[in-house]
Amino acid sequence: TMHRFQHTLSTGLLAATLLALVAAGCGGANGADEAPRTAGDAPRRVVRVETLVLQPTSFEDVIQMTGTVASLNDATLSAQAAGTVEFLAPLGRRVARGAVVARIDQGLVRAALQQTEAQLTAAQAQLEWDEYNFARQEALFRDSVISALEFQTAQTRLNQARAERDRARAARAQAQEQLQNATVRAPFSGVVEAHFVEQGEQMTPGQQVLRVVNIDRLKVTVGVPERYAGDIRVGTPVRLDFQAYRGAARRGAVTFAGSAIDPQSRTFPVEIEVDNADGQLKPEMIVQVYVTRETLEGVLVVPRAAVLRDENGTGAFVVNRDGAEPTAERRDVVVGPAYGGRVSIERGLAPGEEVLVLGQNNVTEGDAVEVVEQYRRLDEAGVPLKDA
């Protein structure tokens, strides 16, 4: 029995020694977050944090939306005459305003024009003869050489000749218009973007022939939520971000702001004209549109991550240095406009205070903190920077 007791005691002492070693090792692993222990003291939790020293600054209240690039001049041209397509401007060709981009076989139209011109020549000749004859008959009638009936007959022939001349003129004008309709011209300078028929194909009036697009100047169209109706008007500054296409951001201004709300999307249309002399932008591209509603001066701005929302409301942690050591203190805050990774603070914080921007999710009210990094400002994305 004594042998068994000694064996049990030795085993218990060995286990206790191992547990003490494990506990000591665990304490060393958490040494970064806890102060050194002294005999008789309870463990003290110290959280390593990074802070932002608050300074009044300017802040742009920005609306971010997604828009689409479109051409200011984009036309699908149609034929106004029937016939066979004998010419089409090649795809990709740059054409000037008024240039011929398509032509329909003009043989029959030209023949009809020549016929109407011949009819007009005959009608003009007949009119001239009837005018001469009427002048003679009028003189004879004044001298009572011919009867009133003969004079009225000459006058009727003259009126008929004039009507025939006018009819021939109208027929010639119609034939000339048909000849012009057999030619499709560019309404503005641009590039031939698409063909809807092929050379040699039979056309009918109104049928689509080709598309001409001018991309020297483009427009960005975007639907703006109705709640911003009072903030956006013609002339409102806009920034356009084409980073998805590796294009540099561009600045512009609103050139059109719609007056009616779309009942389905609850938005109103806005357009921004963009210069595209370099040809980098294409219609139907997607662009991020940033509209500055207001520029706020002298406000406090923190990263979005510094603002915590929980069952107690909206708040942020600051460093309290009134005691023997810095501690975390929670403040209720009222946030203002936010943009990107930054948010403005309307109430709850003061200039010069240190807001926790890293480690704030690991602290509770009154925890001791060690500030390992202190920042002075934020970039546009809300990333803290050291330099003032």
Protein backbone atom coordinates (compact mmCIF):
# COMPACT_ATOMS: atom_id res chain seq x y z
CA THR A 1 0.00 0.00 0.00
CA MET A 2 2.81 2.42 0.88
CA HIS A 3 4.45 1.69 -2.48
CA ARG A 4 1.25 2.52 -4.32
CA PHE A 5 0.85 5.82 -2.38
CA GLN A 6 4.42 6.92 -3.19
CA HIS A 7 3.89 6.06 -6.85
CA THR A 8 0.66 8.08 -6.94
CA LEU A 9 2.29 11.05 -5.20
CA SER A 10 5.21 11.04 -7.63
CA THR A 11 2.86 10.93 -10.59
CA GLY A 12 0.81 13.85 -9.20
CA LEU A 13 3.87 16.00 -8.62
CA LEU A 14 5.07 15.34 -12.17
CA ALA A 15 1.69 16.33 -13.61
CA ALA A 16 1.57 19.50 -11.53
CA THR A 17 5.04 20.44 -12.70
CA LEU A 18 4.06 19.94 -16.38
CA LEU A 19 0.91 22.06 -15.95
CA ALA A 20 2.94 24.86 -14.41
CA LEU A 21 5.37 24.78 -17.34
CA VAL A 22 2.51 24.89 -19.88
CA ALA A 23 0.89 27.79 -18.05
CA ALA A 24 4.17 29.68 -18.02
CA GLY A 25 4.57 29.12 -21.74
CA CYS A 26 1.08 30.41 -22.47
CA GLY A 27 1.75 33.51 -20.42
CA GLY A 28 4.83 34.24 -22.50
CA ALA A 29 2.81 33.99 -25.74
CA ASN A 30 0.45 36.76 -24.57
CA GLY A 31 3.17 38.99 -23.27
CA ALA A 32 2.55 41.58 -26.05
CA ASP A 33 -0.94 42.25 -24.71
CA GLU A 34 -0.31 42.00 -20.97
CA ALA A 35 1.94 43.86 -18.55
CA PRO A 36 4.58 41.83 -16.53
CA ARG A 37 3.22 40.19 -13.39
CA THR A 38 4.45 40.80 -9.90
CA ALA A 39 3.94 38.60 -6.92
CA GLY A 40 0.35 38.82 -5.70
CA ASP A 41 -0.89 40.88 -8.71
CA ALA A 42 -3.73 39.77 -11.05
CA PRO A 43 -2.97 39.67 -14.80
CA ARG A 44 -3.39 43.10 -16.45
CA ARG A 45 -4.65 43.27 -20.09
CA VAL A 46 -2.96 45.83 -22.33
CA VAL A 47 -4.16 46.11 -25.95
CA ARG A 48 -1.77 47.39 -28.61
CA VAL A 49 -3.56 49.95 -30.83
CA GLU A 50 -2.97 52.52 -33.54
CA THR A 51 -4.61 55.93 -33.41
CA LEU A 52 -5.48 58.96 -35.54
CA VAL A 53 -5.00 62.42 -34.01
CA LEU A 54 -8.08 64.39 -35.02
CA GLN A 55 -7.57 67.63 -36.89
CA PRO A 56 -10.24 69.77 -38.62
CA THR A 57 -10.06 69.36 -42.38
CA SER A 58 -12.14 69.73 -45.53
CA PHE A 59 -14.43 66.95 -46.69
CA GLU A 60 -16.27 66.50 -50.00
CA ASP A 61 -19.78 65.12 -49.71
CA VAL A 62 -19.81 62.99 -52.86
CA ILE A 63 -22.52 60.96 -54.59
CA GLN A 64 -21.17 57.88 -56.37
CA MET A 65 -23.14 56.39 -59.27
CA THR A 66 -22.60 54.19 -62.31
CA GLY A 67 -23.07 55.71 -65.77
CA THR A 68 -22.79 54.68 -69.41
CA VAL A 69 -20.85 56.33 -72.22
CA ALA A 70 -22.84 57.27 -75.32
CA SER A 71 -22.17 59.26 -78.47
CA LEU A 72 -23.57 62.74 -78.96
CA ASN A 73 -23.89 62.00 -82.70
CA ASP A 74 -24.97 58.44 -83.46
CA ALA A 75 -27.27 57.91 -86.44
CA THR A 76 -28.67 54.88 -88.21
CA LEU A 77 -29.30 55.99 -91.82
CA SER A 78 -32.13 54.61 -93.95
CA ALA A 79 -32.83 54.53 -97.66
CA GLN A 80 -35.50 56.85 -99.06
CA ALA A 81 -35.69 55.17 -102.45
CA ALA A 82 -36.05 51.65 -103.79
CA GLY A 83 -33.36 49.99 -105.86
CA THR A 84 -30.15 48.01 -105.84
CA VAL A 85 -27.28 49.04 -103.54
CA GLU A 86 -24.30 49.87 -105.75
CA PHE A 87 -22.01 51.56 -103.18
CA LEU A 88 -21.36 51.37 -99.42
CA ALA A 89 -18.64 53.28 -97.56
CA PRO A 90 -16.29 50.70 -95.94
CA LEU A 91 -16.56 49.94 -92.25
CA GLY A 92 -14.26 52.07 -90.13
CA ARG A 93 -13.92 54.81 -92.73
CA ARG A 94 -13.99 58.35 -91.36
CA VAL A 95 -16.39 60.46 -93.40
CA ALA A 96 -17.08 64.19 -93.47
CA ARG A 97 -20.47 65.78 -93.06
CA GLY A 98 -22.41 65.53 -96.35
CA ALA A 99 -20.16 62.80 -97.77
CA VAL A 100 -21.82 59.99 -99.76
CA VAL A 101 -21.86 56.85 -97.61
CA ALA A 102 -24.28 54.75 -99.69
CA ARG A 103 -25.79 54.91 -103.17
CA ILE A 104 -28.62 53.04 -104.86
CA ASP A 105 -28.59 52.28 -108.59
CA GLN A 106 -29.74 55.52 -110.22
CA GLY A 107 -30.35 54.29 -113.78
CA LEU A 108 -34.16 54.28 -113.69
CA VAL A 109 -34.32 57.48 -111.65
CA ARG A 110 -32.05 59.30 -114.09
CA ALA A 111 -34.17 58.11 -117.01
CA ALA A 112 -37.30 59.39 -115.31
CA LEU A 113 -35.58 62.73 -114.67
CA GLN A 114 -34.59 63.07 -118.31
CA GLN A 115 -38.17 62.35 -119.34
CA THR A 116 -39.57 65.03 -117.04
CA GLU A 117 -37.00 67.53 -118.32
CA ALA A 118 -38.10 66.81 -121.88
CA GLN A 119 -41.74 67.27 -120.89
CA LEU A 120 -40.87 70.56 -119.21
CA THR A 121 -39.05 71.78 -122.34
CA ALA A 122 -42.09 70.93 -124.49
CA ALA A 123 -44.46 72.58 -122.04
CA GLN A 124 -42.31 75.73 -121.92
CA ALA A 125 -42.25 75.92 -125.72
CA GLN A 126 -46.03 75.52 -125.94
CA LEU A 127 -46.49 78.21 -123.29
CA GLU A 128 -44.31 80.64 -125.22
CA TRP A 129 -46.35 80.05 -128.39
CA ASP A 130 -49.66 80.46 -126.55
CA GLU A 131 -48.41 83.69 -124.94
CA TYR A 132 -47.46 85.06 -128.36
CA ASN A 133 -50.80 84.01 -129.85
CA PHE A 134 -52.72 85.50 -126.93
CA ALA A 135 -50.94 88.85 -127.37
CA ARG A 136 -51.98 88.94 -131.05
CA GLN A 137 -55.56 87.92 -130.30
CA GLU A 138 -55.79 90.53 -127.55
CA ALA A 139 -54.80 93.32 -129.98
CA LEU A 140 -57.29 92.09 -132.57
CA PHE A 141 -60.00 91.88 -129.95
CA ARG A 142 -59.38 95.49 -128.88
CA ASP A 143 -59.75 96.51 -132.54
CA SER A 144 -62.97 94.43 -132.81
CA VAL A 145 -61.41 92.28 -135.51
CA ILE A 146 -62.19 89.01 -133.70
CA SER A 147 -65.12 88.00 -131.57
CA ALA A 148 -65.14 87.66 -127.81
CA LEU A 149 -65.43 83.89 -128.17
CA GLU A 150 -62.20 83.69 -130.20
CA PHE A 151 -60.41 85.86 -127.63
CA GLN A 152 -61.65 83.70 -124.72
CA THR A 153 -60.45 80.59 -126.55
CA ALA A 154 -56.92 82.05 -126.84
CA GLN A 155 -56.97 82.96 -123.16
CA THR A 156 -58.05 79.44 -122.18
CA ARG A 157 -55.22 77.93 -124.22
CA LEU A 158 -52.75 80.21 -122.46
CA ASN A 159 -54.03 79.16 -119.02
CA GLN A 160 -53.78 75.50 -119.99
CA ALA A 161 -50.22 75.97 -121.22
CA ARG A 162 -49.23 77.60 -117.94
CA ALA A 163 -50.79 74.73 -115.98
CA GLU A 164 -48.99 72.20 -118.13
CA ARG A 165 -45.72 74.03 -117.59
CA ASP A 166 -46.25 73.99 -113.79
CA ARG A 167 -47.13 70.29 -113.89
CA ALA A 168 -43.93 69.53 -115.82
CA ARG A 169 -41.90 71.53 -113.31
CA ALA A 170 -43.39 69.57 -110.40
CA ALA A 171 -42.67 66.28 -112.15
CA ARG A 172 -39.05 67.31 -112.72
CA ALA A 173 -38.67 68.38 -109.05
CA GLN A 174 -40.05 65.04 -107.93
CA ALA A 175 -37.64 63.17 -110.19
CA GLN A 176 -34.74 65.26 -108.87
CA GLU A 177 -35.74 64.47 -105.30
CA GLN A 178 -35.90 60.77 -106.13
CA LEU A 179 -32.41 61.03 -107.57
CA GLN A 180 -31.20 62.67 -104.37
CA ASN A 181 -32.94 60.00 -102.28
CA ALA A 182 -30.94 57.36 -104.12
CA THR A 183 -27.85 58.79 -102.41
CA VAL A 184 -27.33 58.46 -98.62
CA ARG A 185 -25.15 61.18 -97.10
CA ALA A 186 -23.56 61.49 -93.67
CA PRO A 187 -25.49 63.98 -91.49
CA PHE A 188 -22.29 64.74 -89.52
CA SER A 189 -18.63 63.80 -89.59
CA GLY A 190 -17.88 60.45 -88.03
CA VAL A 191 -16.95 56.83 -88.63
CA VAL A 192 -18.96 54.17 -90.46
CA GLU A 193 -19.70 51.80 -87.60
CA ALA A 194 -22.03 49.16 -89.09
CA HIS A 195 -23.62 47.91 -92.34
CA PHE A 196 -27.18 46.60 -92.39
CA VAL A 197 -27.23 45.66 -96.10
CA GLU A 198 -24.70 44.36 -98.59
CA GLN A 199 -23.65 45.76 -101.94
CA GLY A 200 -25.95 44.41 -104.66
CA GLU A 201 -28.85 43.91 -102.26
CA GLN A 202 -32.32 45.19 -103.20
CA MET A 203 -33.51 48.06 -101.01
CA THR A 204 -36.94 49.36 -100.12
CA PRO A 205 -37.77 52.89 -98.89
CA GLY A 206 -37.18 53.23 -95.15
CA GLN A 207 -34.85 50.23 -94.88
CA GLN A 208 -31.78 50.71 -92.65
CA VAL A 209 -28.52 50.98 -94.58
CA LEU A 210 -25.65 51.81 -92.19
CA ARG A 211 -24.68 53.49 -88.93
CA VAL A 212 -22.41 56.53 -88.54
CA VAL A 213 -20.96 57.44 -85.13
CA ASN A 214 -18.92 60.46 -84.05
CA ILE A 215 -16.83 59.79 -80.91
CA ASP A 216 -14.87 63.05 -80.84
CA ARG A 217 -17.26 64.21 -78.13
CA LEU A 218 -19.19 61.78 -75.98
CA LYS A 219 -21.71 62.01 -73.19
CA VAL A 220 -22.06 60.04 -69.98
CA THR A 221 -25.63 59.25 -69.02
CA VAL A 222 -26.59 58.31 -65.47
CA GLY A 223 -29.79 57.90 -63.48
CA VAL A 224 -29.64 59.94 -60.26
CA PRO A 225 -31.83 58.92 -57.28
CA GLU A 226 -34.67 61.34 -56.72
CA ARG A 227 -33.45 62.26 -53.21
CA TYR A 228 -30.62 64.20 -54.86
CA ALA A 229 -32.92 66.19 -57.14
CA GLY A 230 -32.12 69.42 -55.29
CA ASP A 231 -28.36 68.87 -55.40
CA ILE A 232 -27.66 68.32 -59.10
CA ARG A 233 -28.25 70.88 -61.83
CA VAL A 234 -26.59 72.06 -65.03
CA GLY A 235 -23.02 73.09 -64.21
CA THR A 236 -22.60 70.84 -61.16
CA PRO A 237 -18.95 69.58 -61.15
CA VAL A 238 -18.44 65.88 -61.82
CA ARG A 239 -15.49 63.48 -61.73
CA LEU A 240 -15.51 60.47 -64.07
CA ASP A 241 -13.47 57.37 -63.27
CA PHE A 242 -12.58 55.03 -66.16
CA GLN A 243 -10.12 52.88 -64.17
CA ALA A 244 -11.86 49.69 -65.28
CA TYR A 245 -10.50 50.48 -68.76
CA ARG A 246 -7.14 51.79 -67.51
CA GLY A 247 -8.20 55.30 -68.36
CA ALA A 248 -7.33 58.36 -66.34
CA ALA A 249 -10.04 60.08 -64.35
CA ARG A 250 -11.60 63.10 -66.06
CA ARG A 251 -13.46 66.10 -64.76
CA GLY A 252 -16.50 67.70 -66.30
CA ALA A 253 -19.81 69.33 -65.49
CA VAL A 254 -23.46 68.38 -65.81
CA THR A 255 -24.79 69.54 -69.21
CA PHE A 256 -28.33 68.22 -68.81
CA ALA A 257 -30.43 67.41 -65.75
CA GLY A 258 -33.83 65.88 -66.39
CA SER A 259 -36.99 67.34 -64.89
CA ALA A 260 -39.04 64.13 -64.72
CA ILE A 261 -38.63 61.14 -62.38
CA ASP A 262 -38.76 57.65 -63.87
CA PRO A 263 -41.60 55.94 -61.95
CA GLN A 264 -39.89 52.53 -62.20
CA SER A 265 -36.35 53.37 -61.07
CA ARG A 266 -37.20 56.55 -59.13
CA THR A 267 -34.30 58.33 -60.81
CA PHE A 268 -33.94 61.29 -63.16
CA PRO A 269 -31.55 61.40 -66.13
CA VAL A 270 -28.32 63.39 -66.09
CA GLU A 271 -25.80 63.87 -68.91
CA ILE A 272 -22.16 64.99 -68.81
CA GLU A 273 -20.35 65.82 -72.06
CA VAL A 274 -16.79 64.52 -72.37
CA ASP A 275 -14.08 65.45 -74.84
CA ASN A 276 -12.66 62.35 -76.55
CA ALA A 277 -10.19 63.76 -79.05
CA ASP A 278 -7.75 60.95 -78.20
CA GLY A 279 -10.36 58.31 -79.03
CA GLN A 280 -9.73 56.28 -75.87
CA LEU A 281 -13.37 56.16 -74.80
CA LYS A 282 -15.98 54.05 -76.57
CA PRO A 283 -19.79 54.16 -76.49
CA GLU A 284 -21.39 51.72 -74.02
CA MET A 285 -18.39 51.83 -71.65
CA ILE A 286 -19.26 51.77 -67.93
CA VAL A 287 -17.96 54.68 -65.84
CA GLN A 288 -18.06 55.57 -62.16
CA VAL A 289 -19.58 59.02 -61.72
CA TYR A 290 -18.74 61.14 -58.66
CA VAL A 291 -20.81 64.25 -58.07
CA THR A 292 -19.77 66.68 -55.35
CA ARG A 293 -22.86 67.77 -53.44
CA GLU A 294 -21.03 70.02 -50.99
CA THR A 295 -17.54 70.74 -49.66
CA LEU A 296 -17.49 70.84 -45.85
CA GLU A 297 -14.74 72.85 -44.14
CA GLY A 298 -13.33 72.39 -40.64
CA VAL A 299 -14.86 68.97 -39.96
CA LEU A 300 -13.42 65.92 -38.22
CA VAL A 301 -12.97 62.88 -40.47
CA VAL A 302 -12.22 59.29 -39.44
CA PRO A 303 -11.94 55.96 -41.28
CA ARG A 304 -15.20 54.07 -41.66
CA ALA A 305 -13.69 51.18 -39.66
CA ALA A 306 -13.20 53.46 -36.64
CA VAL A 307 -16.98 53.90 -36.27
CA LEU A 308 -18.58 50.99 -34.41
CA ARG A 309 -22.28 50.16 -34.48
CA ASP A 310 -23.69 47.88 -31.79
CA GLU A 311 -26.62 47.55 -29.41
CA ASN A 312 -25.47 50.74 -27.70
CA GLY A 313 -25.68 52.78 -30.88
CA THR A 314 -22.95 54.39 -32.98
CA GLY A 315 -19.65 55.13 -31.31
CA ALA A 316 -15.86 55.22 -31.49
CA PHE A 317 -13.02 54.56 -29.05
CA VAL A 318 -10.57 57.28 -28.05
CA VAL A 319 -7.47 57.21 -25.84
CA ASN A 320 -8.02 58.59 -22.36
CA ARG A 321 -4.70 59.79 -20.90
CA ASP A 322 -6.08 61.28 -17.66
CA GLY A 323 -5.06 58.31 -15.49
CA ALA A 324 -1.77 56.67 -14.64
CA GLU A 325 -1.86 54.82 -17.95
CA PRO A 326 -3.75 55.30 -21.24
CA THR A 327 -7.11 53.56 -21.43
CA ALA A 328 -9.81 53.06 -24.05
CA GLU A 329 -12.89 55.26 -23.70
CA ARG A 330 -16.01 54.78 -25.80
CA ARG A 331 -17.75 57.85 -27.18
CA ASP A 332 -21.22 58.08 -28.71
CA VAL A 333 -20.90 59.87 -32.03
CA VAL A 334 -23.19 61.33 -34.67
CA VAL A 335 -21.88 60.73 -38.16
CA GLY A 336 -22.34 63.03 -41.12
CA PRO A 337 -21.76 62.47 -44.85
CA ALA A 338 -19.49 59.56 -45.83
CA TYR A 339 -17.54 58.90 -48.99
CA GLY A 340 -15.18 56.09 -49.88
CA GLY A 341 -13.36 54.91 -46.76
CA ARG A 342 -13.96 58.13 -44.81
CA VAL A 343 -16.83 59.43 -42.71
CA SER A 344 -17.33 62.86 -41.18
CA ILE A 345 -18.21 63.27 -37.50
CA GLU A 346 -20.83 65.85 -36.52
CA ARG A 347 -20.83 65.33 -32.71
CA GLY A 348 -19.07 63.26 -30.08
CA LEU A 349 -15.38 63.90 -30.86
CA ALA A 350 -13.08 66.92 -30.48
CA PRO A 351 -9.92 68.14 -32.24
CA GLY A 352 -6.69 66.74 -30.77
CA GLU A 353 -8.28 63.53 -29.48
CA GLU A 354 -6.84 60.18 -30.52
CA VAL A 355 -9.33 57.85 -32.19
CA LEU A 356 -8.51 54.14 -32.37
CA VAL A 357 -8.13 53.12 -36.01
CA LEU A 358 -6.59 49.69 -35.40
CA GLY A 359 -7.40 47.44 -32.46
CA GLN A 360 -10.72 49.15 -31.74
CA ASN A 361 -12.57 45.86 -32.19
CA ASN A 362 -10.47 44.22 -29.47
CA VAL A 363 -10.99 46.70 -26.65
CA THR A 364 -13.73 47.35 -24.15
CA GLU A 365 -14.41 50.38 -21.99
CA GLY A 366 -11.51 51.01 -19.60
CA ASP A 367 -9.01 48.61 -21.14
CA ALA A 368 -5.40 49.72 -20.89
CA VAL A 369 -3.93 50.50 -24.31
CA GLU A 370 -0.46 50.89 -25.76
CA VAL A 371 -0.31 53.24 -28.75
CA VAL A 372 2.20 51.66 -31.13
CA GLU A 373 1.51 53.97 -34.08
CA GLN A 374 0.05 57.47 -34.32
CA TYR A 375 -1.27 58.96 -37.56
CA ARG A 376 -2.04 62.55 -38.50
CA ARG A 377 -4.25 62.41 -41.58
CA LEU A 378 -6.16 60.18 -44.02
CA ASP A 379 -5.95 59.76 -47.76
CA GLU A 380 -9.10 59.78 -49.94
CA ALA A 381 -9.57 56.04 -49.40
CA GLY A 382 -9.53 56.44 -45.60
CA VAL A 383 -6.04 55.00 -45.13
CA PRO A 384 -4.18 56.66 -42.19
CA LEU A 385 -0.94 58.49 -43.03
CA LYS A 386 1.82 59.54 -40.65
CA ASP A 387 2.79 62.87 -42.16
CA ALA A 388 0.82 65.92 -41.11
